Protein backbone atom coordinates (compact mmCIF):
# COMPACT_ATOMS: atom_id res chain seq x y z
CA MET A 1 -16.38 -18.77 -3.06
CA THR A 2 -15.83 -20.06 -6.45
CA SER A 3 -14.97 -17.76 -9.46
CA GLU A 4 -16.68 -18.14 -12.92
CA PRO A 5 -14.99 -20.69 -15.26
CA ARG A 6 -12.61 -18.71 -18.33
CA PRO A 7 -14.84 -19.09 -21.71
CA ALA A 8 -12.70 -21.75 -24.15
CA ALA A 9 -11.23 -19.08 -27.00
CA LEU A 10 -8.99 -19.80 -29.99
CA ILE A 11 -5.97 -17.71 -31.64
CA ALA A 12 -7.48 -17.11 -35.09
CA MET A 13 -4.71 -15.52 -37.70
CA TRP A 14 -1.17 -15.54 -39.15
CA PRO A 15 1.45 -16.94 -36.75
CA GLU A 16 3.84 -14.59 -37.89
CA ALA A 17 0.87 -11.34 -37.04
CA PHE A 18 0.45 -13.46 -33.61
CA ALA A 19 3.95 -13.16 -32.70
CA GLN A 20 4.55 -9.80 -33.53
CA GLN A 21 0.75 -8.77 -31.94
CA PHE A 22 0.82 -10.89 -28.65
CA ASP A 23 4.71 -10.87 -27.03
CA GLU A 24 4.92 -12.81 -23.10
CA GLU A 25 3.14 -9.90 -21.50
CA ARG A 26 -0.20 -9.85 -24.21
CA VAL A 27 0.04 -13.75 -23.84
CA GLY A 28 -0.24 -13.88 -20.31
CA ARG A 29 -2.79 -11.48 -20.01
CA LEU A 30 -4.85 -12.96 -23.07
CA GLU A 31 -4.29 -16.49 -20.53
CA SER A 32 -5.78 -14.53 -17.34
CA LEU A 33 -9.36 -13.85 -19.56
CA VAL A 34 -9.91 -17.19 -21.33
CA GLU A 35 -9.18 -20.81 -21.28
CA LEU A 36 -6.92 -21.70 -24.90
CA VAL A 37 -7.84 -24.59 -26.14
CA SER A 38 -4.91 -24.16 -28.28
CA PRO A 39 -1.47 -22.04 -27.52
CA ASP A 40 -0.87 -22.16 -31.15
CA PRO A 41 -2.46 -19.52 -33.73
CA VAL A 42 -5.12 -21.41 -36.03
CA ILE A 43 -5.41 -19.75 -39.78
CA ASP A 44 -7.51 -22.83 -41.22
CA LEU A 45 -10.76 -23.65 -38.83
CA ASP A 46 -11.51 -27.14 -41.41
CA ASP A 47 -8.44 -28.58 -40.33
CA PRO A 48 -9.83 -31.48 -38.41
CA ALA A 49 -7.32 -31.62 -35.59
CA LEU A 50 -9.89 -29.01 -34.04
CA ALA A 51 -13.07 -30.84 -34.68
CA ALA A 52 -13.33 -31.42 -31.25
CA ASP A 53 -12.56 -27.97 -29.26
CA LEU A 54 -14.33 -26.11 -31.99
CA GLY A 55 -17.86 -27.07 -30.87
CA ARG A 56 -17.21 -25.55 -27.30
CA VAL A 57 -14.73 -22.22 -28.63
CA GLU A 58 -17.17 -19.19 -27.31
CA VAL A 59 -14.46 -16.46 -28.35
CA LEU A 60 -12.08 -16.35 -31.05
CA VAL A 61 -9.18 -13.42 -31.13
CA THR A 62 -8.19 -12.95 -34.61
CA SER A 63 -5.61 -10.41 -36.87
CA TRP A 64 -4.82 -10.38 -40.23
CA GLY A 65 -4.84 -13.89 -42.08
CA SER A 66 -7.87 -14.62 -39.62
CA PRO A 67 -10.05 -17.01 -42.06
CA ARG A 68 -13.41 -16.21 -42.90
CA LEU A 69 -16.51 -17.07 -40.89
CA THR A 70 -18.48 -18.32 -42.98
CA ALA A 71 -21.92 -20.73 -42.24
CA ASP A 72 -20.27 -23.89 -42.54
CA VAL A 73 -18.00 -22.41 -40.20
CA LEU A 74 -19.78 -21.47 -37.69
CA HIS A 75 -21.64 -24.87 -38.26
CA ARG A 76 -18.67 -26.11 -36.60
CA MET A 77 -18.66 -23.78 -33.38
CA PRO A 78 -22.39 -23.51 -32.06
CA ALA A 79 -21.27 -21.86 -28.50
CA LEU A 80 -19.44 -18.86 -30.62
CA ARG A 81 -20.27 -15.87 -29.04
CA ALA A 82 -17.92 -13.18 -29.60
CA VAL A 83 -14.94 -12.09 -32.05
CA PHE A 84 -11.93 -9.76 -30.96
CA HIS A 85 -10.08 -8.64 -33.85
CA ALA A 86 -6.54 -7.22 -33.42
CA ALA A 87 -6.96 -5.25 -36.59
CA GLY A 88 -8.74 -3.14 -38.60
CA THR A 89 -11.80 -3.74 -40.83
CA VAL A 90 -13.58 -6.97 -39.90
CA ARG A 91 -15.19 -7.12 -43.85
CA GLY A 92 -12.87 -10.13 -44.56
CA LEU A 93 -13.67 -12.12 -41.34
CA THR A 94 -17.44 -11.93 -40.88
CA THR A 95 -20.82 -13.07 -43.67
CA ASP A 96 -24.39 -12.97 -43.93
CA ALA A 97 -24.24 -16.38 -41.20
CA PHE A 98 -21.88 -14.75 -39.19
CA TRP A 99 -24.52 -11.52 -38.69
CA GLU A 100 -27.48 -13.42 -38.81
CA ARG A 101 -26.56 -15.31 -35.40
CA GLY A 102 -25.30 -12.46 -33.62
CA ILE A 103 -22.25 -12.56 -32.45
CA THR A 104 -20.33 -9.45 -31.24
CA VAL A 105 -17.51 -7.96 -33.07
CA THR A 106 -15.29 -5.63 -31.89
CA SER A 107 -12.84 -4.22 -33.98
CA ALA A 108 -8.95 -2.59 -33.05
CA ALA A 109 -9.27 0.27 -35.84
CA GLU A 110 -9.67 2.91 -34.19
CA ALA A 111 -6.28 1.89 -32.34
CA ASN A 112 -4.78 1.33 -35.95
CA SER A 113 -5.89 5.01 -36.83
CA ILE A 114 -3.19 6.54 -35.20
CA PRO A 115 -0.12 5.80 -37.06
CA VAL A 116 -2.15 6.29 -40.39
CA ALA A 117 -3.48 9.48 -39.07
CA GLU A 118 -0.05 10.31 -38.53
CA PHE A 119 1.63 9.34 -41.44
CA THR A 120 -0.42 11.35 -43.54
CA PHE A 121 0.07 14.65 -41.31
CA ALA A 122 3.84 13.65 -41.84
CA SER A 123 3.40 13.12 -46.08
CA ILE A 124 1.39 16.45 -45.91
CA VAL A 125 3.64 18.72 -44.71
CA LEU A 126 7.20 16.78 -46.69
CA ALA A 127 4.77 17.64 -49.41
CA ASP A 128 4.56 21.37 -49.31
CA LYS A 129 7.79 20.82 -48.83
CA ARG A 130 8.32 18.79 -51.72
CA ALA A 131 10.58 16.51 -50.13
CA GLN A 132 9.45 13.32 -51.36
CA PHE A 133 10.10 14.52 -54.63
CA LEU A 134 13.39 16.65 -54.22
CA ALA A 135 14.80 13.27 -52.26
CA ARG A 136 14.28 11.36 -55.24
CA ASP A 137 17.06 12.38 -56.90
CA PRO A 138 19.48 14.61 -54.74
CA LEU A 139 22.09 15.28 -57.32
CA ALA A 140 19.93 16.82 -59.61
CA HIS A 141 19.31 20.02 -57.27
CA ARG A 142 23.36 20.57 -55.75
CA ASP A 143 24.22 23.36 -57.66
CA ASP A 144 20.59 24.85 -57.81
CA TRP A 145 19.52 24.29 -53.72
CA ARG A 146 19.73 27.99 -53.23
CA THR A 147 17.00 28.31 -55.66
CA ARG A 148 14.40 26.84 -54.09
CA LEU A 149 14.63 29.70 -50.72
CA LEU A 150 12.74 32.00 -53.43
CA THR A 151 9.57 30.29 -54.25
CA ASP A 152 6.12 30.10 -52.47
CA GLY A 153 6.22 26.89 -53.74
CA TYR A 154 7.88 25.45 -50.48
CA SER A 155 5.34 26.03 -47.86
CA ASN A 156 3.12 25.03 -45.14
CA LEU A 157 2.33 28.36 -44.23
CA GLY A 158 -1.03 29.32 -45.34
CA ARG A 159 -2.36 26.06 -46.81
CA THR A 160 -5.76 24.92 -48.03
CA ILE A 161 -5.75 21.20 -47.46
CA GLY A 162 -8.68 19.26 -48.05
CA VAL A 163 -10.05 16.44 -45.98
CA VAL A 164 -12.81 13.89 -48.41
CA GLY A 165 -14.14 11.50 -45.77
CA PHE A 166 -14.55 12.71 -41.94
CA SER A 167 -13.48 8.95 -40.49
CA ARG A 168 -12.25 7.88 -37.16
CA ILE A 169 -8.55 9.17 -39.40
CA GLY A 170 -9.77 11.69 -40.99
CA ARG A 171 -10.83 13.41 -38.16
CA ARG A 172 -7.13 12.76 -36.53
CA VAL A 173 -5.87 14.16 -40.10
CA VAL A 174 -7.69 17.28 -39.05
CA ALA A 175 -6.78 17.70 -35.06
CA LEU A 176 -3.16 17.34 -36.95
CA LEU A 177 -3.77 19.49 -39.31
CA ARG A 178 -4.33 22.57 -37.24
CA ARG A 179 -0.93 22.60 -36.05
CA LEU A 180 0.15 24.11 -38.75
CA GLU A 181 -0.03 28.35 -39.22
CA ASP A 182 -2.60 29.95 -40.87
CA VAL A 183 -4.61 25.92 -42.64
CA THR A 184 -7.39 26.27 -44.28
CA ILE A 185 -8.75 22.88 -43.68
CA LEU A 186 -11.86 21.71 -46.05
CA VAL A 187 -14.31 18.24 -45.54
CA ALA A 188 -15.95 16.96 -47.67
CA ASP A 189 -18.46 13.78 -46.66
CA PRO A 190 -21.69 13.90 -47.06
CA THR A 191 -22.21 11.37 -43.93
CA VAL A 192 -21.48 14.04 -41.27
CA ASP A 193 -22.68 17.28 -40.28
CA ALA A 194 -21.61 21.37 -40.76
CA GLU A 195 -21.56 20.85 -36.74
CA ALA A 196 -19.70 18.15 -36.02
CA VAL A 197 -16.67 18.97 -38.03
CA ALA A 198 -16.42 22.51 -37.17
CA SER A 199 -16.77 21.37 -33.81
CA ALA A 200 -12.52 20.03 -35.41
CA GLY A 201 -11.88 22.74 -36.11
CA ALA A 202 -12.35 22.60 -39.87
CA THR A 203 -15.22 23.61 -42.96
CA LEU A 204 -17.46 20.88 -44.22
CA THR A 205 -18.43 21.90 -48.31
CA SER A 206 -18.94 19.76 -51.14
CA LEU A 207 -16.45 17.81 -52.89
CA ASP A 208 -16.16 20.14 -56.18
CA GLU A 209 -15.71 23.14 -53.60
CA VAL A 210 -12.72 20.79 -52.33
CA LEU A 211 -11.08 20.58 -55.33
CA ARG A 212 -10.92 23.98 -56.52
CA ARG A 213 -10.03 24.98 -53.59
CA ALA A 214 -7.35 22.58 -51.98
CA ASP A 215 -3.27 22.77 -52.46
CA VAL A 216 -3.21 19.84 -51.28
CA LEU A 217 -6.02 16.45 -51.42
CA SER A 218 -5.71 13.74 -48.77
CA LEU A 219 -8.38 10.95 -49.53
CA HIS A 220 -10.11 9.18 -46.07
CA ALA A 221 -13.17 7.47 -47.76
CA PRO A 222 -14.15 3.64 -46.80
CA GLU A 223 -13.70 0.92 -50.22
CA LEU A 224 -17.15 0.67 -50.92
CA PRO A 225 -19.03 0.42 -54.32
CA GLU A 226 -20.10 3.45 -54.30
CA THR A 227 -16.79 5.04 -53.48
CA ARG A 228 -14.64 3.11 -55.82
CA HIS A 229 -13.16 6.10 -58.53
CA MET A 230 -14.28 8.88 -56.96
CA ILE A 231 -11.39 10.39 -57.66
CA GLY A 232 -11.27 10.25 -61.30
CA ALA A 233 -10.43 12.20 -64.53
CA ALA A 234 -12.89 14.76 -63.92
CA GLU A 235 -12.18 15.72 -60.36
CA LEU A 236 -8.63 15.74 -61.10
CA ALA A 237 -9.63 18.26 -63.40
CA LEU A 238 -11.03 20.32 -61.53
CA LEU A 239 -7.43 20.52 -59.24
CA ARG A 240 -5.26 23.55 -59.21
CA ASP A 241 -1.87 23.51 -60.95
CA GLY A 242 1.23 21.68 -58.98
CA ALA A 243 -1.82 20.60 -56.73
CA THR A 244 -0.98 17.26 -54.24
CA VAL A 245 -2.68 14.13 -53.94
CA VAL A 246 -2.36 11.92 -51.00
CA ASN A 247 -3.80 9.00 -50.82
CA THR A 248 -3.33 6.52 -47.36
CA ALA A 249 -6.71 5.00 -47.18
CA ARG A 250 -7.82 2.58 -50.21
CA GLY A 251 -6.40 2.69 -53.93
CA SER A 252 -9.87 1.97 -55.49
CA LEU A 253 -10.91 5.23 -54.36
CA ILE A 254 -8.53 6.93 -57.35
CA ASP A 255 -8.45 5.85 -61.17
CA THR A 256 -5.51 4.98 -61.48
CA ASP A 257 -5.34 6.13 -64.63
CA ALA A 258 -6.55 9.41 -65.17
CA LEU A 259 -4.32 10.07 -62.11
CA THR A 260 -1.43 8.61 -63.71
CA ALA A 261 -2.17 10.76 -67.28
CA GLU A 262 -2.29 14.40 -64.65
CA CYS A 263 1.28 13.43 -63.15
CA LEU A 264 2.80 12.23 -66.33
CA ALA A 265 1.17 15.87 -67.81
CA GLY A 266 3.49 17.44 -64.82
CA ARG A 267 0.11 19.16 -62.98
CA LEU A 268 -0.54 17.58 -60.54
CA ASP A 269 1.95 15.58 -57.53
CA ALA A 270 1.16 12.39 -55.61
CA VAL A 271 2.09 10.98 -53.12
CA LEU A 272 1.14 6.89 -52.90
CA ASP A 273 0.69 4.72 -49.89
CA VAL A 274 -1.75 2.74 -51.37
CA THR A 275 -2.79 2.15 -55.29
CA GLU A 276 -5.06 0.18 -57.94
CA PRO A 277 -3.74 -2.55 -58.57
CA GLU A 278 -1.31 -3.14 -55.41
CA PRO A 279 1.43 -3.66 -55.94
CA LEU A 280 1.02 -1.82 -59.58
CA PRO A 281 2.59 -3.36 -62.83
CA MET A 282 6.17 -3.51 -63.30
CA ASP A 283 5.97 -0.80 -65.80
CA SER A 284 3.55 1.57 -64.69
CA PRO A 285 4.82 5.14 -65.41
CA LEU A 286 3.82 6.33 -61.79
CA TYR A 287 7.18 4.27 -60.52
CA ARG A 288 9.38 6.60 -62.84
CA LEU A 289 8.04 9.96 -62.49
CA PRO A 290 9.75 12.43 -60.50
CA ASN A 291 6.49 14.22 -59.18
CA VAL A 292 5.42 10.28 -57.60
CA SER A 293 6.31 8.95 -54.43
CA ILE A 294 5.39 5.51 -53.48
CA THR A 295 5.76 3.66 -50.14
CA PRO A 296 4.45 -0.26 -50.43
CA HIS A 297 1.66 0.43 -47.95
CA ILE A 298 2.97 1.08 -44.54
CA ALA A 299 1.10 3.81 -43.09
CA GLY A 300 -0.73 1.53 -41.10
CA SER A 301 0.59 -0.15 -37.64
CA LEU A 302 3.87 -2.14 -38.32
CA GLY A 303 5.87 -3.46 -35.58
CA SER A 304 5.09 -2.32 -31.84
CA GLU A 305 2.47 -0.25 -33.27
CA THR A 306 0.79 -3.63 -34.02
CA ARG A 307 0.69 -4.12 -30.34
CA ARG A 308 -1.72 -1.28 -29.70
CA MET A 309 -4.40 -2.95 -31.49
CA SER A 310 -3.41 -6.04 -29.80
CA ASP A 311 -4.03 -4.10 -26.63
CA ALA A 312 -7.13 -2.68 -27.79
CA ALA A 313 -8.77 -5.95 -28.47
CA LEU A 314 -7.50 -7.24 -24.90
CA ASP A 315 -9.49 -4.58 -23.61
CA GLU A 316 -12.76 -5.04 -25.13
CA LEU A 317 -12.31 -8.93 -23.95
CA ALA A 318 -11.40 -7.85 -20.54
CA ARG A 319 -15.53 -5.66 -20.65
CA TRP A 320 -17.08 -8.63 -22.28
CA THR A 321 -16.00 -11.31 -20.08
CA LEU A 322 -17.15 -8.66 -17.03
CA GLY A 323 -20.25 -7.75 -18.47
CA LEU A 324 -19.18 -3.87 -19.11
CA PRO A 325 -20.34 -2.10 -22.38
CA LEU A 326 -18.14 -2.56 -25.72
CA GLU A 327 -16.25 1.01 -26.50
CA HIS A 328 -15.93 -0.81 -30.06
CA GLN A 329 -18.11 -3.14 -31.40
CA VAL A 330 -18.94 -3.31 -35.08
CA VAL A 331 -22.62 -3.53 -35.96
CA LEU A 332 -23.70 -4.81 -39.22
CA ALA A 333 -24.74 -0.99 -40.55
CA ASP A 334 -21.25 0.59 -39.71
CA LEU A 335 -20.25 -1.16 -42.45
CA GLY A 336 -21.54 0.39 -45.17
CA VAL A 337 -20.09 3.67 -44.14
CA SER A 338 -16.62 2.56 -42.69
CA ALA A 339 -13.93 0.64 -44.12
């Protein structure tokens, strides 16, 4: 009895991403599932040296730095049937020509949502104690630290937290927030139903209601034309004095100028892992404000966390080779409501 031939495959991503995400064990698993036409990752599918092999490639394994699958590229890959993306969004990878071909594509966005949710939860807990801001200049609080014990403003008990976007990350954040005592979790998302949100332990309401009631506002909406600057001057004005804005999603969700004005006035605090633009200009006041914390887009998978995404992609590849249903397939309609 002979086994079925393994599908011909190519690794298409930045070499440094491949080195980080695919250690010896994962490379071995990949090689057990496919026939690699090249052991090394490629970033340029227009390379003439690949011409002879592209025609028989059935599978692409992609991640950060993967080339865009344009009509010209796809013309040279007539056998391509599936793409297994070991990273989050596939927006930068797919094109109209890709979807028209009916090629299967999966994403490891679910795996990537885990560290983002963990980072967001930690950021909220620390922000409710103002830890990120106090840590900027510890000497300034050397002589008055005892007074911090006498205020109600530094607490995680009985807080109201607004979550904008009941996405895969938003859902995980809600689950983590339920660990806090006497917390009220409000969700704003026009694409979900109240029952689904209630079953997760939160309450679905309007964005205006979330803004008016939240002590902390955490953003988890996708980057879409209709979500650009969804939190602008009018929305920020609805937040109570002393509220904190946490953004670990996309910088474009917030009007940076409007947020800068509110933080300059000292009315709002901000914890930003993403900004618009990214990075901010050198002269941005946000860098220097004592009530603003900025990190360089580190909430998502880094280091060993990236191998979780590799495992997710390999699991999907294994299901595909066996003809089993895929768990994280992306279809064109998904791009209208997700990152």
